[in-house]
C-alpha atoms as a PDB file:
ATOM      1  CA  MET A   1      82.350 -72.567  88.179  1.00  0.00           C
ATOM      2  CA  ASN A   2      84.701 -74.436  85.893  1.00  0.00           C
ATOM      3  CA  GLU A   3      88.391 -75.176  86.451  1.00  0.00           C
ATOM      4  CA  THR A   4      89.581 -72.265  84.268  1.00  0.00           C
ATOM      5  CA  GLN A   5      87.543 -69.735  86.270  1.00  0.00           C
ATOM      6  CA  THR A   6      88.835 -71.128  89.563  1.00  0.00           C
ATOM      7  CA  HIS A   7      92.418 -71.057  88.266  1.00  0.00           C
ATOM      8  CA  SER A   8      92.019 -67.454  87.043  1.00  0.00           C
ATOM      9  CA  LYS A   9      90.517 -66.365  90.388  1.00  0.00           C
ATOM     10  CA  PHE A  10      93.398 -67.968  92.270  1.00  0.00           C
ATOM     11  CA  ASP A  11      96.007 -66.423  89.983  1.00  0.00           C
ATOM     12  CA  THR A  12      94.712 -62.854  90.385  1.00  0.00           C
ATOM     13  CA  ARG A  13      94.454 -63.128  94.156  1.00  0.00           C
ATOM     14  CA  SER A  14      97.928 -64.668  94.420  1.00  0.00           C
ATOM     15  CA  LEU A  15      99.404 -62.160  92.010  1.00  0.00           C
ATOM     16  CA  LEU A  16      97.968 -59.215  93.971  1.00  0.00           C
ATOM     17  CA  SER A  17      99.211 -60.655  97.253  1.00  0.00           C
ATOM     18  CA  GLY A  18     102.658 -61.232  95.750  1.00  0.00           C
ATOM     19  CA  LEU A  19     102.785 -57.710  94.334  1.00  0.00           C
ATOM     20  CA  TRP A  20     101.894 -56.287  97.763  1.00  0.00           C
ATOM     21  CA  LEU A  21     104.677 -58.355  99.301  1.00  0.00           C
ATOM     22  CA  PHE A  22     107.080 -56.948  96.711  1.00  0.00           C
ATOM     23  CA  VAL A  23     105.978 -53.380  97.574  1.00  0.00           C
ATOM     24  CA  LEU A  24     106.368 -54.110 101.280  1.00  0.00           C
ATOM     25  CA  LEU A  25     109.886 -55.494 100.873  1.00  0.00           C
ATOM     26  CA  ASN A  26     110.890 -52.433  98.851  1.00  0.00           C
ATOM     27  CA  ILE A  27     109.502 -50.134 101.558  1.00  0.00           C
ATOM     28  CA  ILE A  28     111.414 -52.018 104.241  1.00  0.00           C
ATOM     29  CA  PHE A  29     114.700 -51.962 102.329  1.00  0.00           C
ATOM     30  CA  ARG A  30     114.261 -48.304 101.400  1.00  0.00           C
ATOM     31  CA  ASP A  31     113.798 -47.512 105.083  1.00  0.00           C
ATOM     32  CA  LEU A  32     116.868 -49.560 106.011  1.00  0.00           C
ATOM     33  CA  HIS A  33     118.912 -47.538 103.529  1.00  0.00           C
ATOM     34  CA  GLU A  34     117.582 -44.307 105.026  1.00  0.00           C
ATOM     35  CA  PHE A  35     118.401 -45.381 108.581  1.00  0.00           C
ATOM     36  CA  ALA A  36     121.977 -45.956 107.499  1.00  0.00           C
ATOM     37  CA  THR A  37     122.521 -42.210 107.206  1.00  0.00           C
ATOM     38  CA  ALA A  38     123.082 -40.332 110.455  1.00  0.00           C
ATOM     39  CA  THR A  39     121.063 -37.290 109.342  1.00  0.00           C
ATOM     40  CA  THR A  40     117.941 -39.393 108.788  1.00  0.00           C
ATOM     41  CA  ILE A  41     117.907 -40.647 112.362  1.00  0.00           C
ATOM     42  CA  VAL A  42     118.027 -37.085 113.719  1.00  0.00           C
ATOM     43  CA  GLU A  43     115.101 -36.049 111.479  1.00  0.00           C
ATOM     44  CA  ILE A  44     112.693 -38.760 112.692  1.00  0.00           C
ATOM     45  CA  THR A  45     109.713 -37.450 114.651  1.00  0.00           C
ATOM     46  CA  GLU A  46     106.720 -39.185 116.204  1.00  0.00           C
ATOM     47  CA  GLU A  47     104.577 -37.936 113.323  1.00  0.00           C
ATOM     48  CA  LEU A  48     106.944 -39.445 110.745  1.00  0.00           C
ATOM     49  CA  LEU A  49     106.938 -42.728 112.635  1.00  0.00           C
ATOM     50  CA  LEU A  50     103.123 -42.724 112.571  1.00  0.00           C
ATOM     51  CA  ILE A  51     103.073 -42.030 108.830  1.00  0.00           C
ATOM     52  CA  GLY A  52     105.608 -44.821 108.357  1.00  0.00           C
ATOM     53  CA  PHE A  53     103.434 -47.162 110.406  1.00  0.00           C
ATOM     54  CA  VAL A  54     100.400 -46.456 108.211  1.00  0.00           C
ATOM     55  CA  LEU A  55     102.446 -46.764 105.024  1.00  0.00           C
ATOM     56  CA  VAL A  56     103.781 -50.174 106.028  1.00  0.00           C
ATOM     57  CA  GLU A  57     100.549 -51.438 107.579  1.00  0.00           C
ATOM     58  CA  ILE A  58      98.585 -51.050 104.320  1.00  0.00           C
ATOM     59  CA  PRO A  59     100.779 -53.455 102.301  1.00  0.00           C
ATOM     60  CA  ILE A  60     101.007 -55.842 105.267  1.00  0.00           C
ATOM     61  CA  ALA A  61      97.204 -55.957 105.423  1.00  0.00           C
ATOM     62  CA  MET A  62      96.878 -56.381 101.672  1.00  0.00           C
ATOM     63  CA  VAL A  63      99.310 -59.321 101.594  1.00  0.00           C
ATOM     64  CA  LEU A  64      96.924 -61.044 103.990  1.00  0.00           C
ATOM     65  CA  LEU A  65      93.609 -59.760 102.609  1.00  0.00           C
ATOM     66  CA  SER A  66      94.154 -60.155  98.840  1.00  0.00           C
ATOM     67  CA  PRO A  67      93.901 -63.956  98.900  1.00  0.00           C
ATOM     68  CA  ILE A  68      90.868 -64.092 101.228  1.00  0.00           C
ATOM     69  CA  LEU A  69      88.513 -61.180 100.509  1.00  0.00           C
ATOM     70  CA  LYS A  70      85.528 -61.703  98.241  1.00  0.00           C
ATOM     71  CA  TYR A  71      85.899 -60.438  94.675  1.00  0.00           C
ATOM     72  CA  LYS A  72      84.100 -57.067  94.816  1.00  0.00           C
ATOM     73  CA  ILE A  73      85.545 -55.986  98.179  1.00  0.00           C
ATOM     74  CA  ASN A  74      88.952 -57.359  97.204  1.00  0.00           C
ATOM     75  CA  ARG A  75      89.022 -55.431  93.947  1.00  0.00           C
ATOM     76  CA  TRP A  76      88.170 -52.088  95.573  1.00  0.00           C
ATOM     77  CA  ALA A  77      90.387 -52.703  98.607  1.00  0.00           C
ATOM     78  CA  ASN A  78      93.364 -53.259  96.306  1.00  0.00           C
ATOM     79  CA  ILE A  79      92.614 -50.133  94.263  1.00  0.00           C
ATOM     80  CA  ILE A  80      92.074 -47.889  97.301  1.00  0.00           C
ATOM     81  CA  ALA A  81      95.050 -49.269  99.224  1.00  0.00           C
ATOM     82  CA  ALA A  82      97.316 -48.881  96.188  1.00  0.00           C
ATOM     83  CA  VAL A  83      96.178 -45.300  95.563  1.00  0.00           C
ATOM     84  CA  LEU A  84      96.787 -44.364  99.226  1.00  0.00           C
ATOM     85  CA  THR A  85     100.195 -46.036  99.259  1.00  0.00           C
ATOM     86  CA  LEU A  86     101.035 -44.439  95.917  1.00  0.00           C
ATOM     87  CA  ALA A  87     100.147 -40.970  97.228  1.00  0.00           C
ATOM     88  CA  VAL A  88     102.384 -41.345 100.279  1.00  0.00           C
ATOM     89  CA  THR A  89     105.237 -42.863  98.261  1.00  0.00           C
ATOM     90  CA  ALA A  90     105.073 -40.197  95.546  1.00  0.00           C
ATOM     91  CA  SER A  91     105.019 -37.415  98.149  1.00  0.00           C
ATOM     92  CA  ALA A  92     108.510 -38.507  99.265  1.00  0.00           C
ATOM     93  CA  LEU A  93     110.002 -37.871  95.811  1.00  0.00           C
ATOM     94  CA  PRO A  94     112.547 -36.605  95.020  1.00  0.00           C
ATOM     95  CA  GLY A  95     114.959 -38.098  97.483  1.00  0.00           C
ATOM     96  CA  ASP A  96     118.516 -39.262  97.209  1.00  0.00           C
ATOM     97  CA  LEU A  97     119.288 -41.672  94.375  1.00  0.00           C
ATOM     98  CA  ASP A  98     118.719 -44.970  96.182  1.00  0.00           C
ATOM     99  CA  ASP A  99     115.571 -43.645  97.892  1.00  0.00           C
ATOM    100  CA  SER A 100     114.191 -42.470  94.546  1.00  0.00           C
ATOM    101  CA  ALA A 101     115.049 -45.798  92.895  1.00  0.00           C
ATOM    102  CA  PHE A 102     113.170 -47.757  95.555  1.00  0.00           C
ATOM    103  CA  ALA A 103     110.244 -45.311  95.367  1.00  0.00           C
ATOM    104  CA  LEU A 104     110.030 -45.589  91.576  1.00  0.00           C
ATOM    105  CA  ILE A 105     109.951 -49.390  91.808  1.00  0.00           C
ATOM    106  CA  GLU A 106     107.199 -49.149  94.451  1.00  0.00           C
ATOM    107  CA  ILE A 107     105.230 -46.689  92.298  1.00  0.00           C
ATOM    108  CA  ALA A 108     105.501 -48.907  89.219  1.00  0.00           C
ATOM    109  CA  THR A 109     104.348 -51.933  91.211  1.00  0.00           C
ATOM    110  CA  LEU A 110     101.459 -49.997  92.756  1.00  0.00           C
ATOM    111  CA  LEU A 111     100.355 -48.922  89.268  1.00  0.00           C
ATOM    112  CA  VAL A 112     100.392 -52.585  88.205  1.00  0.00           C
ATOM    113  CA  ILE A 113      98.252 -53.441  91.266  1.00  0.00           C
ATOM    114  CA  ILE A 114      95.750 -50.704  90.361  1.00  0.00           C
ATOM    115  CA  TRP A 115      95.659 -51.794  86.726  1.00  0.00           C
ATOM    116  CA  LYS A 116      95.342 -55.503  87.566  1.00  0.00           C
ATOM    117  CA  ALA A 117      92.580 -54.878  90.131  1.00  0.00           C
ATOM    118  CA  TRP A 118      90.744 -52.507  87.769  1.00  0.00           C
ATOM    119  CA  LYS A 119      90.810 -55.029  84.898  1.00  0.00           C
ATOM    120  CA  TRP A 120      89.923 -57.971  87.173  1.00  0.00           C
ATOM    121  CA  THR A 121      86.608 -59.450  86.076  1.00  0.00           C
ATOM    122  CA  ASN A 122      84.244 -61.254  88.404  1.00  0.00           C
ATOM    123  CA  PRO A 123      85.232 -64.932  88.316  1.00  0.00           C
ATOM    124  CA  ALA A 124      81.684 -65.968  89.267  1.00  0.00           C
ATOM    125  CA  ALA A 125      80.083 -64.179  86.285  1.00  0.00           C
END
């Protein structure tokens, strides 16, 4: 493996991890905005908390896993995780304006993750 291949492999893994961190931060700040409204707090159920846990746990895991998983598993893990997160995020639309803005940024970033992982070529080939 030459230096260019190693550099490219590192860049894709780092980029994916960074994109997942960006998604995660947007999820956290979107939730903080929602908690600021009194009606949101009343509407929270155990089921919603569980869904929220899963939604946040996927990006947390991908921030950690993107830099360390092997290429083939990494590629598919990023695609599957992004599709799952995208489905949950899109199901919350439409919301109020700030909620929708955060969700649209998350959706755009998740689409970039899917595209980047899909186009990622095996660095060892």
